[in-house]
């Protein structure tokens, strides 16, 4: 189980999480979806990895995330 936030500072609680950039997460979510990787549509939900995910699934997700983070970086500059 994991989660992450688009924020300039570490997030330790809900009040800090609420200061995160939800538009950046929405851009990331859509970019991942466009690449065939489904994340929770809200950054306030958890991510799950299971033994059902193959090494290929993980590599595909990493490549999609790399591309998606680049899109987010380009949209916020």
N, C-alpha and C. Protein backbone atom coordinates (compact mmCIF):
# COMPACT_ATOMS: atom_id res chain seq x y z
N UNK A 1 0.84 -1.16 0.00
CA UNK A 1 0.00 0.00 0.00
C UNK A 1 0.90 1.24 0.00
N UNK A 2 0.54 2.20 -0.80
CA UNK A 2 1.35 3.41 -0.92
C UNK A 2 0.46 4.58 -1.31
N UNK A 3 1.05 5.73 -1.31
CA UNK A 3 0.37 6.93 -1.77
C UNK A 3 1.38 8.03 -1.97
N UNK A 4 1.03 9.01 -2.75
CA UNK A 4 1.93 10.14 -2.93
C UNK A 4 1.12 11.39 -3.24
N UNK A 5 1.76 12.52 -3.01
CA UNK A 5 1.11 13.81 -3.18
C UNK A 5 2.01 14.73 -3.98
N UNK A 6 1.42 15.58 -4.76
CA UNK A 6 2.17 16.62 -5.47
C UNK A 6 2.23 17.83 -4.55
N UNK A 7 3.33 17.93 -3.82
CA UNK A 7 3.48 18.94 -2.79
C UNK A 7 4.96 19.29 -2.66
N UNK A 8 5.26 20.51 -2.31
CA UNK A 8 6.65 20.94 -2.13
C UNK A 8 7.25 20.52 -0.79
N UNK A 9 6.40 20.08 0.12
CA UNK A 9 6.87 19.69 1.44
C UNK A 9 6.36 18.29 1.77
N UNK A 10 7.00 17.60 2.70
CA UNK A 10 6.52 16.27 3.09
C UNK A 10 5.10 16.35 3.66
N UNK A 11 4.34 15.30 3.42
CA UNK A 11 2.96 15.23 3.90
C UNK A 11 2.91 14.18 5.01
N UNK A 12 2.49 14.63 6.20
CA UNK A 12 2.40 13.73 7.35
C UNK A 12 0.98 13.56 7.87
N UNK A 13 0.07 14.42 7.43
CA UNK A 13 -1.30 14.35 7.95
C UNK A 13 -2.27 14.95 6.93
N UNK A 14 -3.54 14.87 7.24
CA UNK A 14 -4.57 15.31 6.31
C UNK A 14 -4.48 16.81 6.01
N UNK A 15 -4.22 17.62 7.02
CA UNK A 15 -4.11 19.07 6.78
C UNK A 15 -3.00 19.38 5.79
N UNK A 16 -1.87 18.69 5.89
CA UNK A 16 -0.77 18.89 4.94
C UNK A 16 -1.15 18.34 3.57
N UNK A 17 -1.85 17.23 3.55
CA UNK A 17 -2.28 16.63 2.28
C UNK A 17 -3.21 17.57 1.51
N UNK A 18 -4.05 18.29 2.24
CA UNK A 18 -5.00 19.21 1.59
C UNK A 18 -4.30 20.35 0.85
N UNK A 19 -3.02 20.60 1.16
CA UNK A 19 -2.29 21.68 0.48
C UNK A 19 -1.65 21.20 -0.82
N UNK A 20 -1.83 19.93 -1.16
CA UNK A 20 -1.21 19.36 -2.36
C UNK A 20 -1.89 19.87 -3.62
N UNK A 21 -1.17 19.76 -4.73
CA UNK A 21 -1.64 20.24 -6.03
C UNK A 21 -2.52 19.16 -6.68
N UNK A 22 -3.82 19.26 -6.47
CA UNK A 22 -4.73 18.26 -7.03
C UNK A 22 -4.82 18.35 -8.55
N UNK A 23 -4.58 19.52 -9.13
CA UNK A 23 -4.57 19.63 -10.59
C UNK A 23 -3.39 18.86 -11.18
N UNK A 24 -2.24 18.94 -10.53
CA UNK A 24 -1.07 18.17 -11.00
C UNK A 24 -1.37 16.68 -10.91
N UNK A 25 -2.01 16.25 -9.82
CA UNK A 25 -2.36 14.83 -9.70
C UNK A 25 -3.34 14.44 -10.80
N UNK A 26 -4.30 15.29 -11.11
CA UNK A 26 -5.28 14.98 -12.16
C UNK A 26 -4.57 14.82 -13.51
N UNK A 27 -3.59 15.67 -13.77
CA UNK A 27 -2.81 15.55 -15.01
C UNK A 27 -2.05 14.23 -15.02
N UNK A 28 -1.42 13.88 -13.90
CA UNK A 28 -0.69 12.63 -13.78
C UNK A 28 -1.63 11.44 -13.96
N UNK A 29 -2.76 11.47 -13.29
CA UNK A 29 -3.73 10.38 -13.38
C UNK A 29 -4.15 10.16 -14.82
N UNK A 30 -4.49 11.23 -15.54
CA UNK A 30 -4.95 11.10 -16.92
C UNK A 30 -3.83 10.59 -17.82
N UNK A 31 -2.61 11.07 -17.60
CA UNK A 31 -1.48 10.60 -18.40
C UNK A 31 -1.23 9.11 -18.16
N UNK A 32 -1.33 8.67 -16.92
CA UNK A 32 -1.16 7.24 -16.63
C UNK A 32 -2.27 6.43 -17.28
N UNK A 33 -3.48 6.90 -17.18
CA UNK A 33 -4.61 6.20 -17.79
C UNK A 33 -4.43 6.10 -19.29
N UNK A 34 -3.96 7.16 -19.92
CA UNK A 34 -3.70 7.16 -21.36
C UNK A 34 -2.65 6.11 -21.74
N UNK A 35 -1.80 5.73 -20.79
CA UNK A 35 -0.75 4.74 -21.02
C UNK A 35 -1.15 3.35 -20.51
N UNK A 36 -2.43 3.21 -20.15
CA UNK A 36 -2.95 1.90 -19.76
C UNK A 36 -2.72 1.52 -18.31
N UNK A 37 -2.35 2.50 -17.47
CA UNK A 37 -2.12 2.21 -16.06
C UNK A 37 -3.17 2.96 -15.25
N UNK A 38 -3.95 2.22 -14.48
CA UNK A 38 -5.04 2.82 -13.70
C UNK A 38 -4.58 3.08 -12.27
N UNK A 39 -4.56 4.34 -11.90
CA UNK A 39 -4.33 4.76 -10.52
C UNK A 39 -5.67 5.25 -9.97
N UNK A 40 -5.76 5.39 -8.67
CA UNK A 40 -6.97 5.96 -8.07
C UNK A 40 -7.15 7.39 -8.61
N UNK A 41 -8.38 7.78 -8.91
CA UNK A 41 -8.61 9.10 -9.49
C UNK A 41 -8.41 10.26 -8.51
N UNK A 42 -8.19 9.97 -7.26
CA UNK A 42 -7.93 11.01 -6.26
C UNK A 42 -6.62 10.71 -5.55
N UNK A 43 -5.81 11.73 -5.34
CA UNK A 43 -4.54 11.50 -4.63
C UNK A 43 -4.77 11.20 -3.15
N UNK A 44 -5.99 11.28 -2.69
CA UNK A 44 -6.29 10.97 -1.30
C UNK A 44 -6.66 9.50 -1.10
N UNK A 45 -6.50 8.70 -2.15
CA UNK A 45 -6.75 7.26 -2.07
C UNK A 45 -5.41 6.52 -2.13
N UNK A 46 -5.39 5.29 -1.65
CA UNK A 46 -4.16 4.50 -1.60
C UNK A 46 -3.92 3.75 -2.91
N UNK A 47 -2.65 3.43 -3.13
CA UNK A 47 -2.23 2.58 -4.24
C UNK A 47 -1.93 1.20 -3.67
N UNK A 48 -2.18 0.17 -4.48
CA UNK A 48 -1.92 -1.19 -4.01
C UNK A 48 -1.07 -1.94 -5.03
N UNK A 49 -0.09 -2.65 -4.56
CA UNK A 49 0.73 -3.55 -5.35
C UNK A 49 0.50 -4.93 -4.78
N UNK A 50 0.36 -5.90 -5.65
CA UNK A 50 0.12 -7.25 -5.16
C UNK A 50 1.00 -8.25 -5.87
N UNK A 51 0.97 -9.46 -5.42
CA UNK A 51 1.75 -10.52 -6.06
C UNK A 51 1.19 -10.88 -7.44
N UNK A 52 0.02 -10.37 -7.77
CA UNK A 52 -0.55 -10.60 -9.10
C UNK A 52 0.13 -9.73 -10.15
N UNK A 53 0.86 -8.69 -9.73
CA UNK A 53 1.57 -7.82 -10.66
C UNK A 53 2.90 -8.48 -11.04
N UNK A 54 3.10 -8.65 -12.33
CA UNK A 54 4.33 -9.27 -12.81
C UNK A 54 5.46 -8.23 -12.88
N UNK A 55 6.66 -8.71 -13.08
CA UNK A 55 7.78 -7.80 -13.29
C UNK A 55 7.52 -6.91 -14.50
N UNK A 56 6.92 -7.46 -15.53
CA UNK A 56 6.58 -6.67 -16.72
C UNK A 56 5.56 -5.59 -16.38
N UNK A 57 4.56 -5.91 -15.56
CA UNK A 57 3.58 -4.91 -15.13
C UNK A 57 4.27 -3.75 -14.40
N UNK A 58 5.21 -4.10 -13.55
CA UNK A 58 5.91 -3.07 -12.77
C UNK A 58 6.77 -2.21 -13.69
N UNK A 59 7.48 -2.82 -14.62
CA UNK A 59 8.30 -2.07 -15.57
C UNK A 59 7.43 -1.16 -16.45
N UNK A 60 6.28 -1.66 -16.88
CA UNK A 60 5.34 -0.85 -17.66
C UNK A 60 4.87 0.35 -16.86
N UNK A 61 4.57 0.14 -15.59
CA UNK A 61 4.11 1.21 -14.71
C UNK A 61 5.21 2.25 -14.50
N UNK A 62 6.43 1.79 -14.30
CA UNK A 62 7.55 2.72 -14.12
C UNK A 62 7.75 3.58 -15.36
N UNK A 63 7.71 2.96 -16.54
CA UNK A 63 7.88 3.71 -17.79
C UNK A 63 6.74 4.71 -17.98
N UNK A 64 5.52 4.29 -17.68
CA UNK A 64 4.37 5.19 -17.81
C UNK A 64 4.49 6.34 -16.82
N UNK A 65 4.93 6.06 -15.60
CA UNK A 65 5.08 7.11 -14.59
C UNK A 65 6.16 8.11 -15.01
N UNK A 66 7.25 7.62 -15.57
CA UNK A 66 8.32 8.51 -16.03
C UNK A 66 7.76 9.50 -17.06
N UNK A 67 7.04 8.98 -18.04
CA UNK A 67 6.42 9.84 -19.05
C UNK A 67 5.40 10.79 -18.43
N UNK A 68 4.60 10.28 -17.52
CA UNK A 68 3.53 11.07 -16.91
C UNK A 68 4.07 12.18 -16.02
N UNK A 69 5.14 11.88 -15.27
CA UNK A 69 5.76 12.93 -14.46
C UNK A 69 6.33 14.04 -15.35
N UNK A 70 6.86 13.66 -16.51
CA UNK A 70 7.38 14.67 -17.44
C UNK A 70 6.25 15.55 -17.95
N UNK A 71 5.09 14.98 -18.19
CA UNK A 71 3.93 15.78 -18.63
C UNK A 71 3.52 16.74 -17.53
N UNK A 72 3.46 16.25 -16.29
CA UNK A 72 3.11 17.14 -15.17
C UNK A 72 4.12 18.26 -15.06
N UNK A 73 5.39 17.95 -15.14
CA UNK A 73 6.43 18.98 -15.02
C UNK A 73 6.27 20.02 -16.13
N UNK A 74 5.93 19.60 -17.32
CA UNK A 74 5.74 20.53 -18.42
C UNK A 74 4.50 21.38 -18.28
N UNK A 75 3.50 20.86 -17.58
CA UNK A 75 2.24 21.61 -17.45
C UNK A 75 2.28 22.62 -16.30
N UNK A 76 3.29 22.51 -15.42
CA UNK A 76 3.34 23.41 -14.26
C UNK A 76 4.48 24.43 -14.39
N UNK A 77 5.21 24.39 -15.48
CA UNK A 77 6.33 25.34 -15.60
C UNK A 77 5.93 26.63 -16.29
